[in-house]
Amino acid sequence: MAPKIAIKSVFIANGNWERFKAENPNLPLYVVEEVERMLHCRDLENGFLTYKCPECGASKTILLACKSRICTRCGKTYTDQWADQLVSSLYAVSHRHMVFTIPEELREVLGADHGLLKVVMDAVSLTLKQLVKPRSGVFPA
């Protein structure tokens, strides 16, 4: 089994990140800030908390996280929180997910006249509502 390679180590190895920044001086500031935060995630110099047991005296030090969206450790937490927030804002109803594709032969015609695209999508919507409604009653008439 191949060893796991951390994204952070790829940025750091051989000065990859520093070299990339030097070769791309017009990187947006937010990109540089997010990468720098990720590279210093859980570094001692960025702060820590120490907990000490009053009973036995054992202590545990917790290094502070960067909370960067691109960090493989912190970004997961950020993404999970965002997803939970999104789910809590949705209606608690059953739903169907369907994908309609346009045949290649029609794409040029529909691309030239976007009004026709609306006609096709309205027809698809009506058809799908008729197909699904008798089974579940999910879609209104």
N, C-alpha and C. Protein backbone atom coordinates (compact mmCIF):
# COMPACT_ATOMS: atom_id res chain seq x y z
N MET A 1 0.84 -1.18 0.00
CA MET A 1 0.00 0.00 0.00
C MET A 1 0.88 1.24 0.00
N ALA A 2 0.59 2.17 -0.90
CA ALA A 2 1.39 3.40 -1.02
C ALA A 2 1.14 4.31 0.19
N PRO A 3 2.18 4.99 0.64
CA PRO A 3 2.00 5.90 1.78
C PRO A 3 1.13 7.08 1.38
N LYS A 4 0.36 7.61 2.34
CA LYS A 4 -0.48 8.77 2.08
C LYS A 4 0.40 10.01 1.95
N ILE A 5 0.06 10.84 0.98
CA ILE A 5 0.80 12.09 0.79
C ILE A 5 -0.14 13.23 1.14
N ALA A 6 0.27 14.06 2.08
CA ALA A 6 -0.55 15.19 2.50
C ALA A 6 -0.37 16.34 1.50
N ILE A 7 -1.47 17.03 1.23
CA ILE A 7 -1.43 18.18 0.32
C ILE A 7 -0.41 19.21 0.82
N LYS A 8 -0.41 19.41 2.11
CA LYS A 8 0.52 20.37 2.71
C LYS A 8 1.97 20.02 2.35
N SER A 9 2.32 18.75 2.37
CA SER A 9 3.69 18.34 2.06
C SER A 9 4.04 18.59 0.59
N VAL A 10 3.05 18.52 -0.29
CA VAL A 10 3.28 18.80 -1.71
C VAL A 10 3.62 20.28 -1.90
N PHE A 11 2.90 21.14 -1.19
CA PHE A 11 3.17 22.58 -1.28
C PHE A 11 4.56 22.92 -0.74
N ILE A 12 4.94 22.24 0.35
CA ILE A 12 6.20 22.56 1.02
C ILE A 12 7.41 21.94 0.31
N ALA A 13 7.27 20.72 -0.20
CA ALA A 13 8.39 19.98 -0.79
C ALA A 13 9.09 20.80 -1.87
N ASN A 14 10.39 20.81 -1.81
CA ASN A 14 11.24 21.47 -2.80
C ASN A 14 10.90 22.94 -3.00
N GLY A 15 10.28 23.55 -2.00
CA GLY A 15 9.91 24.96 -2.12
C GLY A 15 8.84 25.21 -3.18
N ASN A 16 7.98 24.21 -3.43
CA ASN A 16 6.98 24.32 -4.50
C ASN A 16 6.12 25.57 -4.38
N TRP A 17 5.59 25.84 -3.19
CA TRP A 17 4.70 26.98 -3.02
C TRP A 17 5.45 28.30 -3.22
N GLU A 18 6.61 28.41 -2.64
CA GLU A 18 7.39 29.66 -2.79
C GLU A 18 7.76 29.88 -4.25
N ARG A 19 8.15 28.82 -4.94
CA ARG A 19 8.49 28.93 -6.36
C ARG A 19 7.26 29.31 -7.19
N PHE A 20 6.13 28.70 -6.87
CA PHE A 20 4.89 29.00 -7.59
C PHE A 20 4.50 30.46 -7.40
N LYS A 21 4.61 30.96 -6.17
CA LYS A 21 4.29 32.37 -5.90
C LYS A 21 5.22 33.29 -6.69
N ALA A 22 6.50 32.94 -6.74
CA ALA A 22 7.46 33.77 -7.47
C ALA A 22 7.18 33.78 -8.97
N GLU A 23 6.76 32.65 -9.49
CA GLU A 23 6.46 32.55 -10.93
C GLU A 23 5.10 33.13 -11.29
N ASN A 24 4.26 33.37 -10.30
CA ASN A 24 2.90 33.89 -10.53
C ASN A 24 2.64 35.07 -9.60
N PRO A 25 3.29 36.20 -9.88
CA PRO A 25 3.19 37.34 -8.97
C PRO A 25 1.80 37.98 -8.90
N ASN A 26 0.93 37.66 -9.83
CA ASN A 26 -0.41 38.27 -9.84
C ASN A 26 -1.48 37.40 -9.20
N LEU A 27 -1.07 36.46 -8.37
CA LEU A 27 -2.05 35.62 -7.67
C LEU A 27 -2.94 36.51 -6.81
N PRO A 28 -4.23 36.24 -6.80
CA PRO A 28 -5.11 37.03 -5.93
C PRO A 28 -4.68 36.89 -4.47
N LEU A 29 -4.81 37.96 -3.73
CA LEU A 29 -4.38 37.98 -2.33
C LEU A 29 -5.10 36.91 -1.51
N TYR A 30 -6.39 36.69 -1.78
CA TYR A 30 -7.13 35.70 -0.99
C TYR A 30 -6.58 34.29 -1.21
N VAL A 31 -6.06 34.01 -2.41
CA VAL A 31 -5.47 32.69 -2.68
C VAL A 31 -4.20 32.52 -1.85
N VAL A 32 -3.35 33.53 -1.87
CA VAL A 32 -2.11 33.48 -1.10
C VAL A 32 -2.42 33.33 0.38
N GLU A 33 -3.38 34.11 0.88
CA GLU A 33 -3.72 34.05 2.30
C GLU A 33 -4.25 32.67 2.70
N GLU A 34 -5.13 32.09 1.89
CA GLU A 34 -5.69 30.78 2.21
C GLU A 34 -4.61 29.69 2.20
N VAL A 35 -3.72 29.72 1.22
CA VAL A 35 -2.65 28.72 1.16
C VAL A 35 -1.71 28.89 2.34
N GLU A 36 -1.35 30.14 2.65
CA GLU A 36 -0.44 30.38 3.78
C GLU A 36 -1.08 29.90 5.09
N ARG A 37 -2.36 30.16 5.26
CA ARG A 37 -3.05 29.68 6.46
C ARG A 37 -2.99 28.15 6.53
N MET A 38 -3.27 27.50 5.39
CA MET A 38 -3.25 26.04 5.35
C MET A 38 -1.85 25.50 5.68
N LEU A 39 -0.84 26.15 5.17
CA LEU A 39 0.53 25.68 5.40
C LEU A 39 0.95 25.81 6.87
N HIS A 40 0.33 26.72 7.58
CA HIS A 40 0.69 26.92 8.99
C HIS A 40 -0.36 26.38 9.94
N CYS A 41 -1.25 25.53 9.43
CA CYS A 41 -2.29 24.95 10.27
C CYS A 41 -1.67 24.08 11.35
N ARG A 42 -2.12 24.30 12.55
CA ARG A 42 -1.68 23.53 13.72
C ARG A 42 -0.17 23.63 13.96
N ASP A 43 0.40 24.78 13.61
CA ASP A 43 1.79 25.06 13.96
C ASP A 43 1.82 25.66 15.36
N LEU A 44 2.80 25.31 16.12
CA LEU A 44 2.91 25.78 17.50
C LEU A 44 2.92 27.30 17.57
N GLU A 45 3.61 27.97 16.62
CA GLU A 45 3.71 29.43 16.67
C GLU A 45 2.38 30.14 16.40
N ASN A 46 1.38 29.41 15.89
CA ASN A 46 0.06 30.02 15.64
C ASN A 46 -0.86 29.92 16.84
N GLY A 47 -0.38 29.35 17.91
CA GLY A 47 -1.14 29.29 19.15
C GLY A 47 -1.59 27.88 19.49
N PHE A 48 -1.93 27.74 20.75
CA PHE A 48 -2.34 26.43 21.24
C PHE A 48 -3.13 26.60 22.54
N LEU A 49 -3.80 25.56 22.91
CA LEU A 49 -4.49 25.49 24.20
C LEU A 49 -3.91 24.31 24.95
N THR A 50 -3.73 24.48 26.26
CA THR A 50 -3.24 23.38 27.07
C THR A 50 -4.26 23.10 28.16
N TYR A 51 -4.66 21.84 28.23
CA TYR A 51 -5.60 21.41 29.25
C TYR A 51 -4.83 20.55 30.25
N LYS A 52 -5.10 20.81 31.54
CA LYS A 52 -4.41 20.05 32.57
C LYS A 52 -5.44 19.45 33.51
N CYS A 53 -5.30 18.18 33.78
CA CYS A 53 -6.20 17.47 34.68
C CYS A 53 -5.86 17.86 36.12
N PRO A 54 -6.85 18.37 36.86
CA PRO A 54 -6.57 18.76 38.25
C PRO A 54 -6.35 17.55 39.17
N GLU A 55 -6.79 16.38 38.73
CA GLU A 55 -6.64 15.17 39.54
C GLU A 55 -5.24 14.59 39.45
N CYS A 56 -4.80 14.30 38.20
CA CYS A 56 -3.53 13.59 38.03
C CYS A 56 -2.40 14.48 37.51
N GLY A 57 -2.74 15.68 37.06
CA GLY A 57 -1.71 16.58 36.56
C GLY A 57 -1.34 16.36 35.10
N ALA A 58 -1.93 15.36 34.45
CA ALA A 58 -1.65 15.11 33.03
C ALA A 58 -2.14 16.31 32.22
N SER A 59 -1.37 16.65 31.19
CA SER A 59 -1.78 17.77 30.35
C SER A 59 -1.84 17.36 28.89
N LYS A 60 -2.65 18.10 28.16
CA LYS A 60 -2.79 17.84 26.73
C LYS A 60 -2.77 19.19 26.04
N THR A 61 -1.94 19.30 25.00
CA THR A 61 -1.84 20.54 24.23
C THR A 61 -2.55 20.34 22.90
N ILE A 62 -3.41 21.28 22.58
CA ILE A 62 -4.16 21.26 21.32
C ILE A 62 -3.69 22.44 20.48
N LEU A 63 -3.13 22.15 19.31
CA LEU A 63 -2.68 23.21 18.41
C LEU A 63 -3.89 23.81 17.71
N LEU A 64 -3.89 25.14 17.53
CA LEU A 64 -5.02 25.82 16.92
C LEU A 64 -5.06 25.59 15.41
N ALA A 65 -6.26 25.43 14.90
CA ALA A 65 -6.49 25.16 13.48
C ALA A 65 -6.51 26.46 12.68
N CYS A 66 -6.28 26.34 11.39
CA CYS A 66 -6.24 27.51 10.51
C CYS A 66 -7.63 27.93 10.04
N LYS A 67 -8.57 27.00 9.99
CA LYS A 67 -9.94 27.23 9.53
C LYS A 67 -10.00 27.68 8.07
N SER A 68 -9.00 27.30 7.31
CA SER A 68 -8.98 27.62 5.88
C SER A 68 -9.86 26.64 5.13
N ARG A 69 -10.58 27.15 4.14
CA ARG A 69 -11.46 26.28 3.35
C ARG A 69 -10.68 25.28 2.52
N ILE A 70 -9.42 25.58 2.20
CA ILE A 70 -8.65 24.66 1.36
C ILE A 70 -7.83 23.66 2.16
N CYS A 71 -7.80 23.82 3.46
CA CYS A 71 -7.05 22.90 4.32
C CYS A 71 -7.77 21.57 4.35
N THR A 72 -7.03 20.50 4.16
CA THR A 72 -7.66 19.18 4.13
C THR A 72 -8.23 18.78 5.49
N ARG A 73 -7.72 19.34 6.56
CA ARG A 73 -8.27 19.04 7.88
C ARG A 73 -9.40 20.00 8.24
N CYS A 74 -9.16 21.29 8.10
CA CYS A 74 -10.16 22.29 8.48
C CYS A 74 -11.26 22.44 7.44
N GLY A 75 -10.90 22.29 6.18
CA GLY A 75 -11.87 22.46 5.11
C GLY A 75 -13.00 21.47 5.20
N LYS A 76 -12.72 20.27 5.67
CA LYS A 76 -13.76 19.25 5.85
C LYS A 76 -14.78 19.74 6.86
N THR A 77 -14.31 20.29 7.95
CA THR A 77 -15.20 20.82 8.97
C THR A 77 -16.03 21.96 8.40
N TYR A 78 -15.37 22.87 7.67
CA TYR A 78 -16.05 24.01 7.04
C TYR A 78 -17.12 23.50 6.08
N THR A 79 -16.81 22.52 5.27
CA THR A 79 -17.75 21.98 4.29
C THR A 79 -18.92 21.30 4.98
N ASP A 80 -18.64 20.53 6.03
CA ASP A 80 -19.72 19.86 6.77
C ASP A 80 -20.66 20.88 7.40
N GLN A 81 -20.11 21.95 7.97
CA GLN A 81 -20.94 22.98 8.58
C GLN A 81 -21.79 23.67 7.52
N TRP A 82 -21.20 23.97 6.37
CA TRP A 82 -21.93 24.60 5.28
C TRP A 82 -23.06 23.69 4.81
N ALA A 83 -22.78 22.39 4.64
CA ALA A 83 -23.79 21.44 4.18
C ALA A 83 -24.93 21.32 5.19
N ASP A 84 -24.60 21.26 6.48
CA ASP A 84 -25.63 21.19 7.52
C ASP A 84 -26.51 22.42 7.50
N GLN A 85 -25.90 23.59 7.31
CA GLN A 85 -26.64 24.84 7.23
C GLN A 85 -27.58 24.82 6.03
N LEU A 86 -27.09 24.35 4.91
CA LEU A 86 -27.88 24.29 3.69
C LEU A 86 -29.06 23.33 3.86
N VAL A 87 -28.78 22.16 4.39
CA VAL A 87 -29.84 21.17 4.59
C VAL A 87 -30.91 21.70 5.53
N SER A 88 -30.51 22.41 6.57
CA SER A 88 -31.50 22.92 7.53
C SER A 88 -32.39 24.00 6.92
N SER A 89 -31.96 24.61 5.82
CA SER A 89 -32.77 25.64 5.18
C SER A 89 -33.72 25.08 4.11
N LEU A 90 -33.60 23.80 3.81
CA LEU A 90 -34.45 23.18 2.79
C LEU A 90 -35.77 22.74 3.39
N TYR A 91 -36.77 22.63 2.55
CA TYR A 91 -38.06 22.11 2.98
C TYR A 91 -37.94 20.61 3.21
N ALA A 92 -38.62 20.13 4.21
CA ALA A 92 -38.59 18.70 4.52
C ALA A 92 -39.64 17.98 3.68
N VAL A 93 -39.37 17.85 2.40
CA VAL A 93 -40.27 17.17 1.48
C VAL A 93 -39.48 16.17 0.66
N SER A 94 -40.18 15.14 0.20
CA SER A 94 -39.50 14.20 -0.69
C SER A 94 -39.32 14.89 -2.04
N HIS A 95 -38.36 14.46 -2.78
CA HIS A 95 -38.10 15.09 -4.07
C HIS A 95 -37.57 14.06 -5.05
N ARG A 96 -37.54 14.46 -6.27
CA ARG A 96 -36.97 13.65 -7.34
C ARG A 96 -35.90 14.49 -8.03
N HIS A 97 -34.86 13.84 -8.44
CA HIS A 97 -33.82 14.51 -9.22
C HIS A 97 -33.77 13.84 -10.58
N MET A 98 -33.99 14.62 -11.61
CA MET A 98 -33.99 14.07 -12.97
C MET A 98 -33.12 14.95 -13.85
N VAL A 99 -32.51 14.32 -14.80
CA VAL A 99 -31.65 15.05 -15.74
C VAL A 99 -32.19 14.85 -17.14
N PHE A 100 -32.34 15.95 -17.84
CA PHE A 100 -32.80 15.90 -19.22
C PHE A 100 -31.66 16.37 -20.10
N THR A 101 -31.32 15.59 -21.09
CA THR A 101 -30.27 16.00 -22.01
C THR A 101 -30.89 16.26 -23.38
N ILE A 102 -30.30 17.19 -24.07
CA ILE A 102 -30.77 17.55 -25.40
C ILE A 102 -29.97 16.77 -26.43
N PRO A 103 -30.65 16.10 -27.36
CA PRO A 103 -29.92 15.35 -28.38
C PRO A 103 -28.96 16.27 -29.15
N GLU A 104 -27.83 15.73 -29.49
CA GLU A 104 -26.80 16.50 -30.18
C GLU A 104 -27.33 17.19 -31.44
N GLU A 105 -28.24 16.52 -32.14
CA GLU A 105 -28.78 17.07 -33.39
C GLU A 105 -29.59 18.36 -33.15
N LEU A 106 -30.11 18.55 -31.95
CA LEU A 106 -30.91 19.74 -31.65
C LEU A 106 -30.13 20.87 -30.99
N ARG A 107 -28.94 20.61 -30.53
CA ARG A 107 -28.18 21.60 -29.76
C ARG A 107 -27.88 22.87 -30.56
N GLU A 108 -27.51 22.71 -31.81
CA GLU A 108 -27.20 23.88 -32.63
C GLU A 108 -28.45 24.73 -32.85
N VAL A 109 -29.58 24.09 -33.12
CA VAL A 109 -30.84 24.81 -33.35
C VAL A 109 -31.26 25.56 -32.09
N LEU A 110 -31.23 24.86 -30.95
CA LEU A 110 -31.64 25.48 -29.69
C LEU A 110 -30.65 26.54 -29.23
N GLY A 111 -29.38 26.35 -29.56
CA GLY A 111 -28.38 27.36 -29.22
C GLY A 111 -28.56 28.64 -30.00
N ALA A 112 -29.08 28.53 -31.23
CA ALA A 112 -29.29 29.71 -32.07
C ALA A 112 -30.54 30.48 -31.66
N ASP A 113 -31.52 29.80 -31.07
CA ASP A 113 -32.77 30.46 -30.67
C ASP A 113 -33.11 30.03 -29.25
N HIS A 114 -32.73 30.85 -28.29
CA HIS A 114 -32.93 30.51 -26.87
C HIS A 114 -34.41 30.46 -26.50
N GLY A 115 -35.27 31.11 -27.28
CA GLY A 115 -36.71 31.03 -27.04
C GLY A 115 -37.21 29.61 -27.20
N LEU A 116 -36.64 28.89 -28.16
CA LEU A 116 -37.00 27.48 -28.36
C LEU A 116 -36.58 26.62 -27.17
N LEU A 117 -35.48 26.99 -26.55
CA LEU A 117 -34.99 26.23 -25.39
C LEU A 117 -36.03 26.28 -24.27
N LYS A 118 -36.65 27.44 -24.06
CA LYS A 118 -37.69 27.55 -23.04
C LYS A 118 -38.89 26.67 -23.39
N VAL A 119 -39.27 26.64 -24.65
CA VAL A 119 -40.39 25.80 -25.07
C VAL A 119 -40.09 24.33 -24.78
N VAL A 120 -38.87 23.90 -25.10
CA VAL A 120 -38.48 22.51 -24.86
C VAL A 120 -38.47 22.21 -23.36
N MET A 121 -37.90 23.11 -22.55
CA MET A 121 -37.84 22.88 -21.11
C MET A 121 -39.23 22.86 -20.48
N ASP A 122 -40.13 23.71 -20.94
CA ASP A 122 -41.50 23.69 -20.44
C ASP A 122 -42.16 22.36 -20.77
N ALA A 123 -41.93 21.85 -21.96
CA ALA A 123 -42.50 20.56 -22.36
C ALA A 123 -41.92 19.43 -21.52
N VAL A 124 -40.63 19.47 -21.25
CA VAL A 124 -39.99 18.47 -20.41
C VAL A 124 -40.59 18.52 -19.00
N SER A 125 -40.74 19.72 -18.46
CA SER A 125 -41.30 19.88 -17.12
C SER A 125 -42.69 19.29 -17.04
N LEU A 126 -43.53 19.62 -17.99
CA LEU A 126 -44.90 19.10 -18.02
C LEU A 126 -44.91 17.57 -18.12
N THR A 127 -44.06 17.03 -18.98
CA THR A 127 -43.99 15.57 -19.15
C THR A 127 -43.56 14.89 -17.86
N LEU A 128 -42.51 15.42 -17.23
CA LEU A 128 -42.03 14.80 -15.99
C LEU A 128 -43.06 14.90 -14.87
N LYS A 129 -43.75 16.03 -14.80
CA LYS A 129 -44.80 16.17 -13.78
C LYS A 129 -45.90 15.15 -13.99
N GLN A 130 -46.26 14.90 -15.24
CA GLN A 130 -47.31 13.92 -15.53
C GLN A 130 -46.83 12.50 -15.21
N LEU A 131 -45.56 12.23 -15.43
CA LEU A 131 -45.03 10.90 -15.14
C LEU A 131 -44.91 10.64 -13.65
N VAL A 132 -44.50 11.63 -12.90
CA VAL A 132 -44.22 11.45 -11.48
C VAL A 132 -45.46 11.59 -10.62
N LYS A 133 -46.35 12.50 -10.94
CA LYS A 133 -47.49 12.81 -10.09
C LYS A 133 -48.33 11.59 -9.72
N PRO A 134 -48.71 10.74 -10.67
CA PRO A 134 -49.56 9.60 -10.28
C PRO A 134 -48.90 8.68 -9.24
N ARG A 135 -47.59 8.61 -9.22
CA ARG A 135 -46.89 7.71 -8.29
C ARG A 135 -46.73 8.31 -6.90
N SER A 136 -46.44 9.62 -6.84
CA SER A 136 -46.06 10.18 -5.55
C SER A 136 -46.87 11.37 -5.12
N GLY A 137 -47.48 12.09 -6.04
CA GLY A 137 -48.21 13.30 -5.68
C GLY A 137 -47.29 14.43 -5.25
N VAL A 138 -46.00 14.34 -5.57
CA VAL A 138 -45.05 15.35 -5.14
C VAL A 138 -45.23 16.67 -5.87
N PHE A 139 -45.44 16.62 -7.17
CA PHE A 139 -45.51 17.84 -7.95
C PHE A 139 -46.95 18.37 -8.00
N PRO A 140 -47.11 19.68 -7.85
CA PRO A 140 -48.44 20.27 -7.98
C PRO A 140 -48.87 20.27 -9.45
N ALA A 141 -50.17 20.36 -9.68
CA ALA A 141 -50.70 20.35 -11.04
C ALA A 141 -50.33 21.62 -11.78
